[in-house]
Amino acid sequence: MATASATLPVAAPRLWAPARLPAFRLLWLGQSLSLLGDGFSTIAFTWITLSLTHSTLDVGYVLALQAVPRALLTLVGGSLSDRRSPRAMMTASSLTRAVVMGAVGAAGLGGLISLWMLLAAAAVFGAVDAFFQPARVTVLPSVVDKELLTQANALLGTGTRISAVLGPALGGMVVAATRPSAAFVVDAVCFALCGLLVARIRPLTERPDGGQAPAKSADGLGKRIRAGISFTWADPRLRTIVALDTAVNFSYAGPFTVGFATLARAAGHGGSTTLGLLNSALAGGAMLGTLAGGAVRGRPRVGLMVAALAGWLAIGMAALGLVGNPVAAVGTVLAMGFGIGFQGVFGLSWIQRNIPGEVLSRVVSVDMVLGYAAAPISLIACGVLAGSGTAGVFGLAAAVLACTALGTLASRAVREMR
């Protein structure tokens, strides 16, 4: 049952209503600091590896060792978050990453850093992060009432996007102003603060020891993971949301990286300036869409919004393959980003509102893993197609998204989702 602090005056602006709750403010700040630390870690790992070995191949090894354990262990992290407190998982993951980053930073400042140490730290970081990511999505229903999930997701999403922009930028500034290893130390501080803030959150319903009641199940880890996959697959509504998320991740990874670079390099498209504007337009549009989604009252038909977003992005991708000037390209990407941010608030809120808590983290982890799998496939496919120009890159994404839109509309259960 909600605490008294969760009761809000009717006159309070609805979008900002979750910010009145102390527990939500702790979650927002902690999650934002963690994601800020993720941006620092990417710059730190990349730059210190280059400084140490002068090899871009070694950079690839380090970043791969960070990404692969995260992808492999996300289903495990989701399963454990359903058995234990997501808040406890976030706290443990954040403090562990703080220790890892702090140790690497201290070794670097002491002149003791080596490639094997970076490889090991990247692998541990990725593995531990796999337990944080599902938990940060599934902890929200324990912090705010169901009626505020959309607004809470909008505010969290805004913080996420701000951190995604500031993290790499601030990390680069720290590296330039001091030493590369100092970025690891700052990173450790971000994660430590996140862990301490999240540990102070008191859920709406909690046990005397401060944790959420765990799912009552004696099933083994493997069986629980299979049950989560089966649960996701058996519900056509979940299959649709997961399919859309996978299609959008596919569009992000290849078309929004390789495609943007290819488009910017084309004659008359402005080069690196256009590339920067395209990425800024995507981030800015998504942030505006997230805030706009949080300001909408009521519960619109999420299934129709899923189809509309897929169709909207398909049209945008097709337009990018044909666009003839950078201004039109930036405007198109801004509109696409707005759609991604707007629908994302409602899709995530629907999952948090409608999926039983004992399986929620596993459903979220299935969604995440498919997104992780789509990214390298998209990068490879778009890398091959980019040799013949932008039409193939963006045309492939448009076809995937158009099929997703049509598949969504074919299901009555999906169309009636609210």
Protein backbone atom coordinates (compact mmCIF):
# COMPACT_ATOMS: atom_id res chain seq x y z
CA MET A 1 0.00 0.00 0.00
CA ALA A 2 1.30 3.48 -0.85
CA THR A 3 2.83 5.57 1.88
CA ALA A 4 1.43 8.95 2.82
CA SER A 5 4.26 10.65 0.93
CA ALA A 6 2.90 9.16 -2.29
CA THR A 7 -0.35 11.18 -2.01
CA LEU A 8 -0.12 14.17 -4.32
CA PRO A 9 -2.24 17.31 -4.56
CA VAL A 10 -4.54 17.27 -7.54
CA ALA A 11 -3.20 20.65 -8.61
CA ALA A 12 0.41 19.42 -8.89
CA PRO A 13 1.71 19.39 -12.50
CA ARG A 14 1.31 15.75 -13.50
CA LEU A 15 4.64 15.38 -15.29
CA TRP A 16 6.58 16.48 -12.21
CA ALA A 17 4.43 14.61 -9.68
CA PRO A 18 6.94 11.74 -9.15
CA ALA A 19 9.66 14.26 -8.31
CA ARG A 20 7.75 15.09 -5.10
CA LEU A 21 8.51 11.61 -3.77
CA PRO A 22 11.83 11.29 -1.87
CA ALA A 23 12.29 7.67 -2.99
CA PHE A 24 11.91 8.63 -6.65
CA ARG A 25 14.38 11.50 -6.31
CA LEU A 26 16.94 9.09 -4.87
CA LEU A 27 16.32 6.65 -7.73
CA TRP A 28 16.52 9.39 -10.39
CA LEU A 29 19.79 10.80 -9.06
CA GLY A 30 21.34 7.38 -8.44
CA GLN A 31 20.43 6.04 -11.89
CA SER A 32 21.61 9.23 -13.59
CA LEU A 33 24.97 9.02 -11.80
CA SER A 34 25.34 5.37 -12.79
CA LEU A 35 24.67 6.13 -16.45
CA LEU A 36 27.01 9.12 -16.23
CA GLY A 37 29.62 6.67 -14.95
CA ASP A 38 28.95 4.39 -17.92
CA GLY A 39 29.88 7.27 -20.24
CA PHE A 40 33.05 7.93 -18.26
CA SER A 41 34.01 4.26 -18.37
CA THR A 42 33.72 4.07 -22.16
CA ILE A 43 36.05 7.06 -22.62
CA ALA A 44 38.41 5.84 -19.90
CA PHE A 45 38.72 2.29 -21.26
CA THR A 46 39.16 3.53 -24.82
CA TRP A 47 41.67 6.27 -24.19
CA ILE A 48 43.86 4.53 -21.63
CA THR A 49 44.07 1.44 -23.86
CA LEU A 50 45.17 3.59 -26.80
CA SER A 51 47.67 5.42 -24.59
CA LEU A 52 49.08 2.15 -23.31
CA THR A 53 49.23 0.01 -26.47
CA HIS A 54 48.61 2.44 -29.39
CA SER A 55 46.46 -0.29 -30.92
CA THR A 56 42.86 0.14 -32.04
CA LEU A 57 42.60 -3.66 -32.13
CA ASP A 58 43.32 -3.77 -28.41
CA VAL A 59 40.60 -1.17 -27.88
CA GLY A 60 38.22 -3.52 -29.68
CA TYR A 61 39.22 -6.40 -27.42
CA VAL A 62 38.67 -4.34 -24.26
CA LEU A 63 35.25 -3.04 -25.35
CA ALA A 64 34.21 -6.51 -26.55
CA LEU A 65 35.14 -8.01 -23.18
CA GLN A 66 32.89 -5.43 -21.58
CA ALA A 67 29.96 -6.06 -23.93
CA VAL A 68 29.97 -9.85 -24.20
CA PRO A 69 29.58 -10.70 -20.47
CA ARG A 70 26.85 -8.09 -20.20
CA ALA A 71 24.92 -9.73 -23.03
CA LEU A 72 25.50 -13.28 -21.75
CA LEU A 73 24.57 -12.57 -18.14
CA THR A 74 21.61 -10.21 -18.53
CA LEU A 75 19.14 -13.12 -18.39
CA VAL A 76 20.82 -14.26 -15.18
CA GLY A 77 20.59 -10.74 -13.77
CA GLY A 78 16.91 -10.56 -14.65
CA SER A 79 16.20 -13.90 -13.01
CA LEU A 80 17.97 -12.92 -9.79
CA SER A 81 16.21 -9.53 -9.70
CA ASP A 82 12.90 -11.40 -9.70
CA ARG A 83 14.00 -13.50 -6.70
CA ARG A 84 15.72 -10.77 -4.77
CA SER A 85 15.21 -7.04 -4.34
CA PRO A 86 15.99 -5.03 -7.51
CA ARG A 87 17.11 -2.26 -5.20
CA ALA A 88 19.62 -4.58 -3.54
CA MET A 89 20.85 -5.75 -6.97
CA MET A 90 21.38 -2.15 -8.08
CA THR A 91 23.22 -1.29 -4.87
CA ALA A 92 25.52 -4.32 -5.02
CA SER A 93 26.26 -3.81 -8.71
CA SER A 94 27.03 -0.12 -8.29
CA LEU A 95 29.35 -0.61 -5.31
CA THR A 96 31.16 -3.49 -7.04
CA ARG A 97 31.73 -1.37 -10.16
CA ALA A 98 32.99 1.43 -7.89
CA VAL A 99 35.60 -0.92 -6.42
CA VAL A 100 36.68 -2.17 -9.87
CA MET A 101 36.97 1.30 -11.37
CA GLY A 102 38.71 2.63 -8.27
CA ALA A 103 41.28 -0.17 -8.35
CA VAL A 104 42.05 0.39 -12.04
CA GLY A 105 42.27 4.14 -11.51
CA ALA A 106 44.67 3.71 -8.57
CA ALA A 107 46.82 1.30 -10.58
CA GLY A 108 46.93 3.75 -13.48
CA LEU A 109 47.85 6.72 -11.30
CA GLY A 110 50.57 4.59 -9.72
CA GLY A 111 52.03 3.59 -13.08
CA LEU A 112 51.09 -0.07 -12.64
CA ILE A 113 48.39 -0.38 -15.30
CA SER A 114 48.69 -3.08 -17.97
CA LEU A 115 46.61 -4.42 -20.84
CA TRP A 116 45.67 -7.61 -19.02
CA MET A 117 44.38 -5.51 -16.12
CA LEU A 118 42.20 -3.48 -18.46
CA LEU A 119 40.86 -6.64 -20.10
CA ALA A 120 40.03 -8.18 -16.73
CA ALA A 121 38.42 -4.97 -15.44
CA ALA A 122 36.31 -4.61 -18.59
CA ALA A 123 35.08 -8.20 -18.28
CA VAL A 124 34.17 -7.79 -14.60
CA PHE A 125 32.53 -4.43 -15.29
CA GLY A 126 30.36 -5.88 -18.07
CA ALA A 127 29.40 -8.92 -16.00
CA VAL A 128 28.38 -6.84 -12.97
CA ASP A 129 26.51 -4.34 -15.15
CA ALA A 130 24.32 -7.19 -16.41
CA PHE A 131 22.78 -7.35 -12.93
CA PHE A 132 22.17 -3.60 -12.76
CA GLN A 133 20.39 -3.05 -16.07
CA PRO A 134 17.26 -5.22 -15.59
CA ALA A 135 16.97 -4.10 -11.96
CA ARG A 136 16.98 -0.38 -12.82
CA VAL A 137 13.91 -0.89 -15.03
CA THR A 138 11.97 -3.16 -12.69
CA VAL A 139 12.56 -1.25 -9.45
CA LEU A 140 10.27 1.63 -10.45
CA PRO A 141 6.87 -0.02 -9.65
CA SER A 142 8.05 -0.38 -6.07
CA VAL A 143 8.87 3.33 -5.85
CA VAL A 144 5.81 5.06 -7.39
CA ASP A 145 2.12 4.20 -7.74
CA LYS A 146 0.96 2.61 -11.00
CA GLU A 147 -0.84 5.80 -12.00
CA LEU A 148 2.47 7.68 -12.00
CA LEU A 149 4.55 5.16 -13.93
CA THR A 150 4.30 7.04 -17.23
CA GLN A 151 5.43 10.32 -15.71
CA ALA A 152 8.16 8.60 -13.67
CA ASN A 153 9.50 6.85 -16.78
CA ALA A 154 9.48 10.16 -18.63
CA LEU A 155 11.60 11.82 -15.94
CA LEU A 156 13.95 8.84 -15.66
CA GLY A 157 14.25 8.71 -19.45
CA THR A 158 15.17 12.39 -19.55
CA GLY A 159 17.86 11.84 -16.93
CA THR A 160 19.13 8.85 -18.91
CA ARG A 161 19.49 10.87 -22.10
CA ILE A 162 21.16 13.79 -20.33
CA SER A 163 23.66 11.40 -18.75
CA ALA A 164 24.28 9.70 -22.10
CA VAL A 165 25.27 13.06 -23.59
CA LEU A 166 27.22 14.45 -20.61
CA GLY A 167 29.06 11.25 -19.63
CA PRO A 168 31.36 10.89 -22.66
CA ALA A 169 31.79 14.69 -22.94
CA LEU A 170 32.82 15.12 -19.28
CA GLY A 171 34.94 11.98 -19.47
CA GLY A 172 36.84 13.43 -22.40
CA MET A 173 37.38 16.70 -20.53
CA VAL A 174 38.72 14.90 -17.45
CA VAL A 175 41.13 12.87 -19.60
CA ALA A 176 42.30 15.99 -21.44
CA ALA A 177 42.74 18.06 -18.27
CA THR A 178 44.41 15.44 -16.08
CA ARG A 179 45.48 11.86 -16.83
CA PRO A 180 43.44 9.05 -18.43
CA SER A 181 43.41 7.08 -15.18
CA ALA A 182 41.71 9.96 -13.38
CA ALA A 183 38.56 9.21 -15.39
CA PHE A 184 38.41 5.81 -13.69
CA VAL A 185 38.57 7.48 -10.29
CA VAL A 186 35.72 9.86 -11.16
CA ASP A 187 33.85 6.87 -12.55
CA ALA A 188 34.28 5.04 -9.24
CA VAL A 189 32.88 8.02 -7.33
CA CYS A 190 29.79 8.10 -9.59
CA PHE A 191 29.07 4.41 -9.00
CA ALA A 192 29.71 4.66 -5.25
CA LEU A 193 27.28 7.57 -4.95
CA CYS A 194 24.72 5.65 -6.98
CA GLY A 195 24.99 2.65 -4.67
CA LEU A 196 24.63 4.78 -1.54
CA LEU A 197 21.64 6.69 -2.91
CA VAL A 198 19.78 3.58 -4.11
CA ALA A 199 20.41 1.85 -0.77
CA ARG A 200 18.46 4.65 0.94
CA ILE A 201 15.31 4.07 -1.16
CA ARG A 202 12.36 2.77 0.81
CA PRO A 203 9.86 0.95 -1.44
CA LEU A 204 6.13 1.56 -1.10
CA THR A 205 5.73 -2.00 0.20
CA GLU A 206 8.68 -3.45 2.04
CA ARG A 207 9.73 -6.02 4.56
CA PRO A 208 11.02 -5.08 8.00
CA ASP A 209 14.61 -5.49 6.76
CA GLY A 210 14.01 -2.91 4.00
CA GLY A 211 13.94 -5.25 1.01
CA GLN A 212 11.16 -6.21 -1.33
CA ALA A 213 9.55 -9.56 -0.72
CA PRO A 214 11.22 -12.11 -3.02
CA ALA A 215 9.32 -14.40 -5.32
CA LYS A 216 8.43 -17.63 -3.57
CA SER A 217 10.02 -20.16 -5.90
CA ALA A 218 12.44 -23.00 -5.40
CA ASP A 219 13.13 -23.36 -9.14
CA GLY A 220 16.72 -23.43 -10.31
CA LEU A 221 18.29 -20.57 -12.26
CA GLY A 222 18.04 -22.28 -15.64
CA LYS A 223 14.39 -23.17 -15.16
CA ARG A 224 13.56 -19.62 -14.08
CA ILE A 225 15.27 -18.17 -17.15
CA ARG A 226 13.36 -20.56 -19.44
CA ALA A 227 10.12 -19.64 -17.66
CA GLY A 228 10.78 -15.95 -18.30
CA ILE A 229 11.42 -16.59 -22.00
CA SER A 230 8.28 -18.74 -22.26
CA PHE A 231 6.18 -16.12 -20.47
CA THR A 232 7.37 -13.44 -22.89
CA TRP A 233 6.80 -15.57 -25.98
CA ALA A 234 3.33 -16.76 -24.92
CA ASP A 235 1.85 -13.24 -24.72
CA PRO A 236 1.28 -11.64 -28.17
CA ARG A 237 1.38 -8.21 -26.60
CA LEU A 238 4.80 -8.81 -25.09
CA ARG A 239 6.05 -10.35 -28.32
CA THR A 240 5.03 -7.17 -30.13
CA ILE A 241 6.73 -4.78 -27.71
CA VAL A 242 9.89 -6.90 -27.72
CA ALA A 243 9.82 -7.04 -31.54
CA LEU A 244 9.52 -3.27 -31.74
CA ASP A 245 12.32 -2.71 -29.24
CA THR A 246 14.54 -5.11 -31.19
CA ALA A 247 13.71 -3.36 -34.47
CA VAL A 248 14.47 0.04 -32.94
CA ASN A 249 17.77 -1.27 -31.52
CA PHE A 250 18.57 -2.61 -34.98
CA SER A 251 17.89 0.87 -36.36
CA TYR A 252 19.99 2.55 -33.70
CA ALA A 253 23.06 0.36 -34.06
CA GLY A 254 23.65 0.35 -37.81
CA PRO A 255 21.63 3.11 -39.49
CA PHE A 256 22.18 5.61 -36.67
CA THR A 257 25.97 5.02 -36.61
CA VAL A 258 27.24 3.63 -39.92
CA GLY A 259 24.32 5.22 -41.79
CA PHE A 260 24.81 8.65 -40.22
CA ALA A 261 28.54 8.56 -40.98
CA THR A 262 27.92 7.50 -44.58
CA LEU A 263 25.29 10.19 -45.03
CA ALA A 264 27.54 12.89 -43.55
CA ARG A 265 30.45 11.91 -45.81
CA ALA A 266 28.36 12.11 -48.97
CA ALA A 267 29.08 15.05 -51.24
CA GLY A 268 27.31 18.21 -50.10
CA HIS A 269 26.22 16.85 -46.71
CA GLY A 270 28.64 18.79 -44.49
CA GLY A 271 30.99 16.09 -43.17
CA SER A 272 31.68 15.88 -39.43
CA THR A 273 29.51 18.92 -38.68
CA THR A 274 26.48 17.16 -40.10
CA LEU A 275 27.38 13.98 -38.24
CA GLY A 276 27.38 15.89 -34.96
CA LEU A 277 24.09 17.60 -35.80
CA LEU A 278 22.43 14.29 -36.69
CA ASN A 279 23.40 12.74 -33.36
CA SER A 280 22.33 15.86 -31.47
CA ALA A 281 19.00 15.91 -33.30
CA LEU A 282 18.35 12.27 -32.41
CA ALA A 283 19.16 12.83 -28.72
CA GLY A 284 17.29 16.13 -28.54
CA GLY A 285 14.23 14.78 -30.32
CA ALA A 286 14.12 11.74 -28.02
CA MET A 287 14.34 13.94 -24.95
CA LEU A 288 11.52 16.19 -26.14
CA GLY A 289 9.41 13.15 -27.01
CA THR A 290 10.02 11.63 -23.60
CA LEU A 291 8.87 14.77 -21.81
CA ALA A 292 5.86 15.13 -24.12
CA GLY A 293 4.85 11.53 -23.42
CA GLY A 294 5.04 12.11 -19.71
CA ALA A 295 2.71 15.11 -19.98
CA VAL A 296 -0.07 13.11 -21.71
CA ARG A 297 -3.02 12.25 -19.49
CA GLY A 298 -4.84 8.92 -19.49
CA ARG A 299 -3.76 5.63 -21.02
CA PRO A 300 -3.71 5.70 -24.82
CA ARG A 301 -3.79 2.50 -26.86
CA VAL A 302 -0.20 1.36 -26.59
CA GLY A 303 -0.57 -1.23 -29.36
CA LEU A 304 -1.63 1.40 -31.88
CA MET A 305 1.24 3.62 -30.70
CA VAL A 306 3.68 0.74 -31.27
CA ALA A 307 2.44 0.37 -34.85
CA ALA A 308 2.48 4.13 -35.37
CA LEU A 309 6.07 4.43 -34.14
CA ALA A 310 7.28 1.58 -36.34
CA GLY A 311 5.56 3.13 -39.35
CA TRP A 312 6.84 6.61 -38.47
CA LEU A 313 10.42 5.35 -38.21
CA ALA A 314 10.07 3.36 -41.44
CA ILE A 315 9.02 6.54 -43.28
CA GLY A 316 11.90 8.44 -41.68
CA MET A 317 14.44 5.79 -42.67
CA ALA A 318 13.17 5.75 -46.24
CA ALA A 319 13.40 9.55 -46.35
CA LEU A 320 17.00 9.50 -45.08
CA GLY A 321 17.93 7.17 -47.93
CA LEU A 322 16.65 9.73 -50.44
CA VAL A 323 17.28 13.07 -48.73
CA GLY A 324 19.37 15.52 -50.68
CA ASN A 325 20.55 18.09 -48.12
CA PRO A 326 21.75 18.11 -44.50
CA VAL A 327 19.00 20.40 -43.20
CA ALA A 328 16.30 17.98 -44.31
CA ALA A 329 18.27 15.06 -42.85
CA VAL A 330 18.58 16.75 -39.44
CA GLY A 331 14.88 17.62 -39.41
CA THR A 332 13.94 14.04 -40.28
CA VAL A 333 16.13 12.62 -37.52
CA LEU A 334 14.71 15.10 -35.00
CA ALA A 335 11.18 13.89 -35.80
CA MET A 336 12.26 10.24 -35.55
CA GLY A 337 13.89 10.84 -32.18
CA PHE A 338 10.74 12.51 -30.91
CA GLY A 339 8.69 9.42 -31.84
CA ILE A 340 11.16 7.08 -30.13
CA GLY A 341 11.07 9.08 -26.90
CA PHE A 342 7.30 9.55 -26.93
CA GLN A 343 6.32 5.92 -27.45
CA GLY A 344 9.08 4.55 -25.24
CA VAL A 345 7.50 6.07 -22.15
CA PHE A 346 4.19 4.28 -22.74
CA GLY A 347 5.64 0.93 -23.81
CA LEU A 348 7.86 0.64 -20.74
CA SER A 349 5.07 1.81 -18.42
CA TRP A 350 2.71 -0.79 -19.89
CA ILE A 351 5.20 -3.57 -19.13
CA GLN A 352 5.76 -2.35 -15.56
CA ARG A 353 2.02 -1.96 -14.98
CA ASN A 354 0.80 -5.25 -16.47
CA ILE A 355 3.52 -7.87 -15.92
CA PRO A 356 3.47 -9.68 -12.55
CA GLY A 357 6.31 -8.59 -10.32
CA GLU A 358 7.63 -12.15 -9.90
CA VAL A 359 8.49 -12.33 -13.61
CA LEU A 360 8.97 -8.66 -14.54
CA SER A 361 12.78 -8.58 -14.45
CA ARG A 362 13.00 -11.71 -16.59
CA VAL A 363 10.73 -10.20 -19.24
CA VAL A 364 12.81 -7.02 -19.25
CA SER A 365 16.03 -9.03 -19.53
CA VAL A 366 14.69 -10.95 -22.55
CA ASP A 367 13.95 -7.60 -24.21
CA MET A 368 17.45 -6.34 -23.42
CA VAL A 369 19.24 -9.45 -24.67
CA LEU A 370 17.45 -9.34 -28.02
CA GLY A 371 18.48 -5.70 -28.32
CA TYR A 372 22.09 -6.63 -27.58
CA ALA A 373 21.93 -9.35 -30.24
CA ALA A 374 20.41 -7.03 -32.85
CA ALA A 375 23.20 -4.44 -32.54
CA PRO A 376 26.18 -6.36 -34.02
CA ILE A 377 24.00 -7.86 -36.77
CA SER A 378 22.86 -4.37 -37.72
CA LEU A 379 26.40 -2.96 -37.67
CA ILE A 380 27.72 -5.72 -39.92
CA ALA A 381 24.80 -5.54 -42.36
CA CYS A 382 24.94 -1.76 -42.61
CA GLY A 383 28.73 -1.83 -42.95
CA VAL A 384 28.36 -4.06 -46.00
CA LEU A 385 25.54 -1.99 -47.51
CA ALA A 386 27.24 1.36 -46.86
CA GLY A 387 29.71 0.67 -49.66
CA SER A 388 27.00 1.39 -52.22
CA GLY A 389 25.61 4.50 -50.50
CA THR A 390 22.93 5.36 -47.99
CA ALA A 391 19.88 3.97 -49.81
CA GLY A 392 20.65 0.35 -48.88
CA VAL A 393 21.48 1.13 -45.26
CA PHE A 394 18.32 3.07 -44.53
CA GLY A 395 16.20 0.95 -46.87
CA LEU A 396 16.99 -2.18 -44.85
CA ALA A 397 15.92 -0.50 -41.61
CA ALA A 398 12.78 0.86 -43.27
CA ALA A 399 11.79 -2.64 -44.42
CA VAL A 400 12.33 -4.13 -40.93
CA LEU A 401 10.28 -1.39 -39.30
CA ALA A 402 7.48 -1.57 -41.88
CA CYS A 403 7.12 -5.32 -41.28
CA THR A 404 6.98 -4.64 -37.54
CA ALA A 405 4.18 -2.09 -38.04
CA LEU A 406 2.13 -4.46 -40.19
CA GLY A 407 2.64 -7.35 -37.75
CA THR A 408 1.47 -5.16 -34.89
CA LEU A 409 -1.75 -4.17 -36.65
CA ALA A 410 -2.53 -7.80 -37.48
CA SER A 411 -3.20 -8.70 -33.84
CA ARG A 412 -6.41 -7.53 -32.18
CA ALA A 413 -5.00 -8.21 -28.71
CA VAL A 414 -2.11 -5.89 -29.49
CA ARG A 415 -4.28 -3.18 -31.02
CA GLU A 416 -6.38 -3.03 -27.84
CA MET A 417 -3.45 -2.69 -25.44
CA ARG A 418 -3.74 0.20 -23.00
